[in-house]
Amino acid sequence: MTDSPADLHEPTRAPTLPIADSLPPVPDPVVDRPRFPDGYGVGDDLEGTRTWASVEARLVESKHYWLTSVRPDGTPHAVPRWGVWVDGRFFYDGAPTTRHTRNVEANPACTLNLESGSDVVIVEGDSVAVCASPDGVGARLAAAFDKYSDYRPGPDSWQSPADGGGLRTITPRRAFAWSSFPTDCTRFTFG
């Protein structure tokens, strides 16, 4: 008796998501000045630039973030998001059927901005689906989400290796910040 072609294939398995607890540490950024056209007054001197610690503190304390992704037709899509900054990354969750999740599944490049137009923080990175162990990153995420009174996920909310409970993370590639334009305009470049 010969095996049929169907017998020769292994059963299809659900994809396994990366585990947030195993992601490599985010490196310290290189600090310099962003490039603006002549006339904006942003120089090359690093005196007066922001520290990453001061920017990261804003990312941790913020309750409202704007996530911008790109639709399949190339047009931008912006949406307000709740989320938390933990271990040098932004974590957020939600349904896989939302427009922004479908966008970042097709093209993970995105930006994350805080609400203020005068105390500016802009993070550029890639959004990827992950899962988190309840006694590691999951516990730290649940504690960080305590800043919201209307949403209190438990540490085990994101442990499924198949869907991660809708958990996604944005690891910064580049960030920009200023609160006294143009004197403290700062660019942070990661790894």
Protein backbone atom coordinates (compact mmCIF):
# COMPACT_ATOMS: atom_id res chain seq x y z
CA MET A 1 0.00 0.00 0.00
CA THR A 2 1.33 3.42 -0.91
CA ASP A 3 0.76 6.60 0.99
CA SER A 4 -1.46 9.17 -0.65
CA PRO A 5 -0.05 12.70 -1.02
CA ALA A 6 -2.39 13.85 1.76
CA ASP A 7 -0.83 11.32 4.15
CA LEU A 8 2.66 12.68 3.49
CA HIS A 9 1.91 16.18 4.81
CA GLU A 10 1.92 17.13 8.44
CA PRO A 11 -1.26 18.67 9.81
CA THR A 12 -1.52 22.42 9.49
CA ARG A 13 -0.70 24.17 12.74
CA ALA A 14 -1.74 27.60 13.91
CA PRO A 15 1.13 30.07 13.73
CA THR A 16 2.99 30.64 16.97
CA LEU A 17 3.53 34.27 17.89
CA PRO A 18 6.81 35.65 19.20
CA ILE A 19 6.88 35.77 23.00
CA ALA A 20 7.25 39.33 24.32
CA ASP A 21 9.34 38.00 27.21
CA SER A 22 11.96 36.76 24.69
CA LEU A 23 12.26 39.89 22.57
CA PRO A 24 15.79 41.33 22.55
CA PRO A 25 16.33 44.39 24.74
CA VAL A 26 15.82 47.74 23.05
CA PRO A 27 19.28 49.33 22.65
CA ASP A 28 20.06 52.78 23.98
CA PRO A 29 19.45 55.32 21.23
CA VAL A 30 21.98 57.50 19.47
CA VAL A 31 21.03 61.13 20.11
CA ASP A 32 21.35 63.84 17.47
CA ARG A 33 19.34 66.60 15.83
CA PRO A 34 16.62 65.98 13.25
CA ARG A 35 17.17 67.46 9.80
CA PHE A 36 14.93 70.41 8.99
CA PRO A 37 15.11 72.73 5.99
CA ASP A 38 17.22 75.88 6.34
CA GLY A 39 15.42 78.61 8.20
CA TYR A 40 13.84 76.42 10.90
CA GLY A 41 16.64 77.18 13.35
CA VAL A 42 17.51 73.59 14.25
CA GLY A 43 21.28 73.35 14.45
CA ASP A 44 23.71 70.46 14.84
CA ASP A 45 24.88 71.31 18.37
CA LEU A 46 23.67 68.74 20.91
CA GLU A 47 23.45 71.28 23.74
CA GLY A 48 19.85 71.46 24.92
CA THR A 49 18.71 68.17 23.38
CA ARG A 50 16.19 66.05 25.26
CA THR A 51 17.24 62.92 27.13
CA TRP A 52 15.64 59.61 26.19
CA ALA A 53 14.73 59.14 29.87
CA SER A 54 12.62 62.34 29.78
CA VAL A 55 10.86 61.21 26.59
CA GLU A 56 10.31 57.68 27.85
CA ALA A 57 8.74 59.07 31.05
CA ARG A 58 6.17 60.85 28.87
CA LEU A 59 5.46 57.63 26.97
CA VAL A 60 4.96 55.72 30.24
CA GLU A 61 2.64 58.30 31.84
CA SER A 62 0.51 59.06 28.80
CA LYS A 63 -2.99 57.63 28.60
CA HIS A 64 -3.78 58.54 24.99
CA TYR A 65 -1.68 57.77 21.94
CA TRP A 66 -2.21 58.23 18.21
CA LEU A 67 -1.25 55.31 16.01
CA THR A 68 -0.79 55.95 12.30
CA SER A 69 -0.59 53.09 9.82
CA VAL A 70 -0.85 52.76 6.05
CA ARG A 71 -3.86 51.28 4.25
CA PRO A 72 -3.30 48.82 1.38
CA ASP A 73 -4.02 51.62 -1.10
CA GLY A 74 -1.16 53.69 0.40
CA THR A 75 -3.29 56.25 2.23
CA PRO A 76 -2.67 56.96 5.93
CA HIS A 77 -4.94 55.85 8.75
CA ALA A 78 -4.77 57.41 12.24
CA VAL A 79 -6.56 56.10 15.31
CA PRO A 80 -6.44 56.98 19.02
CA ARG A 81 -5.22 54.06 21.14
CA TRP A 82 -4.90 53.08 24.75
CA GLY A 83 -1.70 51.25 25.53
CA VAL A 84 1.33 51.02 27.79
CA TRP A 85 5.06 51.64 27.44
CA VAL A 86 6.87 48.72 29.08
CA ASP A 87 10.44 47.47 28.65
CA GLY A 88 11.22 50.14 26.04
CA ARG A 89 8.27 49.23 23.79
CA PHE A 90 4.65 50.23 23.26
CA PHE A 91 2.12 47.45 23.87
CA TYR A 92 -1.54 47.61 22.90
CA ASP A 93 -4.26 45.11 22.18
CA GLY A 94 -7.42 44.84 20.15
CA ALA A 95 -9.37 42.89 17.61
CA PRO A 96 -7.56 41.58 14.53
CA THR A 97 -10.42 42.82 12.36
CA THR A 98 -9.84 46.53 13.06
CA ARG A 99 -8.59 48.67 10.19
CA HIS A 100 -5.30 49.55 11.89
CA THR A 101 -4.51 45.92 12.75
CA ARG A 102 -5.21 44.80 9.19
CA ASN A 103 -2.98 47.66 8.01
CA VAL A 104 0.01 46.72 10.20
CA GLU A 105 -0.41 43.05 9.37
CA ALA A 106 0.16 43.98 5.71
CA ASN A 107 2.74 46.72 6.40
CA PRO A 108 4.07 46.84 9.98
CA ALA A 109 5.62 50.33 9.61
CA CYS A 110 3.78 52.84 11.78
CA THR A 111 4.12 55.93 13.93
CA LEU A 112 3.02 56.48 17.51
CA ASN A 113 2.43 60.07 18.65
CA LEU A 114 1.39 61.62 21.92
CA GLU A 115 -1.47 64.12 21.96
CA SER A 116 0.43 67.38 22.42
CA GLY A 117 1.49 69.50 19.48
CA SER A 118 3.78 71.61 21.69
CA ASP A 119 5.39 68.89 23.86
CA VAL A 120 5.98 66.54 20.96
CA VAL A 121 6.85 62.83 21.02
CA ILE A 122 6.84 60.84 17.77
CA VAL A 123 7.96 57.20 17.65
CA GLU A 124 8.57 55.35 14.38
CA GLY A 125 8.68 51.56 14.41
CA ASP A 126 7.06 48.32 13.38
CA SER A 127 3.95 46.81 14.96
CA VAL A 128 4.06 43.05 15.44
CA ALA A 129 1.71 40.58 17.11
CA VAL A 130 3.12 38.92 20.22
CA CYS A 131 2.02 36.90 23.22
CA ALA A 132 3.16 37.41 26.83
CA SER A 133 3.64 35.03 29.74
CA PRO A 134 1.44 35.77 32.77
CA ASP A 135 4.34 35.74 35.21
CA GLY A 136 6.67 37.88 33.08
CA VAL A 137 5.79 40.64 30.62
CA GLY A 138 2.07 39.83 31.06
CA ALA A 139 2.28 40.78 34.75
CA ARG A 140 4.14 44.03 33.95
CA LEU A 141 1.60 44.90 31.25
CA ALA A 142 -1.36 44.26 33.56
CA ALA A 143 0.22 46.50 36.22
CA ALA A 144 0.87 49.25 33.65
CA PHE A 145 -2.71 49.06 32.34
CA ASP A 146 -3.87 50.02 35.87
CA LYS A 147 -3.60 53.65 34.70
CA TYR A 148 -6.98 53.11 32.98
CA SER A 149 -10.03 52.88 35.22
CA ASP A 150 -12.21 51.34 32.48
CA TYR A 151 -9.84 48.61 31.29
CA ARG A 152 -8.10 46.19 33.65
CA PRO A 153 -6.75 43.13 31.81
CA GLY A 154 -5.19 40.38 33.90
CA PRO A 155 -1.64 39.07 33.46
CA ASP A 156 -2.96 36.01 31.60
CA SER A 157 -4.84 38.06 28.96
CA TRP A 158 -2.10 37.73 26.34
CA GLN A 159 -0.68 34.22 26.86
CA SER A 160 -2.19 32.46 23.82
CA PRO A 161 0.63 31.59 21.38
CA ALA A 162 -1.95 31.48 18.56
CA ASP A 163 -3.42 34.99 18.89
CA GLY A 164 -1.81 36.63 21.94
CA GLY A 165 -5.19 38.00 22.99
CA GLY A 166 -4.76 40.62 20.25
CA LEU A 167 -1.52 41.93 21.82
CA ARG A 168 0.84 43.91 19.60
CA THR A 169 4.06 45.76 20.28
CA ILE A 170 5.85 48.62 18.59
CA THR A 171 9.61 48.60 18.99
CA PRO A 172 11.10 52.03 18.27
CA ARG A 173 13.45 52.45 15.31
CA ARG A 174 13.54 56.23 15.52
CA ALA A 175 11.91 58.86 17.73
CA PHE A 176 11.65 62.63 17.76
CA ALA A 177 10.85 64.95 20.65
CA TRP A 178 10.73 68.65 21.48
CA SER A 179 9.00 70.96 23.91
CA SER A 180 10.74 74.22 23.04
CA PHE A 181 11.00 74.30 19.26
CA PRO A 182 13.62 74.62 17.79
CA THR A 183 16.07 74.68 20.70
CA ASP A 184 15.46 71.16 22.06
CA CYS A 185 14.49 69.26 18.88
CA THR A 186 16.00 65.83 19.32
CA ARG A 187 16.19 62.68 17.22
CA PHE A 188 16.78 59.26 18.79
CA THR A 189 17.94 56.39 16.55
CA PHE A 190 17.80 52.84 17.89
CA GLY A 191 20.22 50.08 16.85
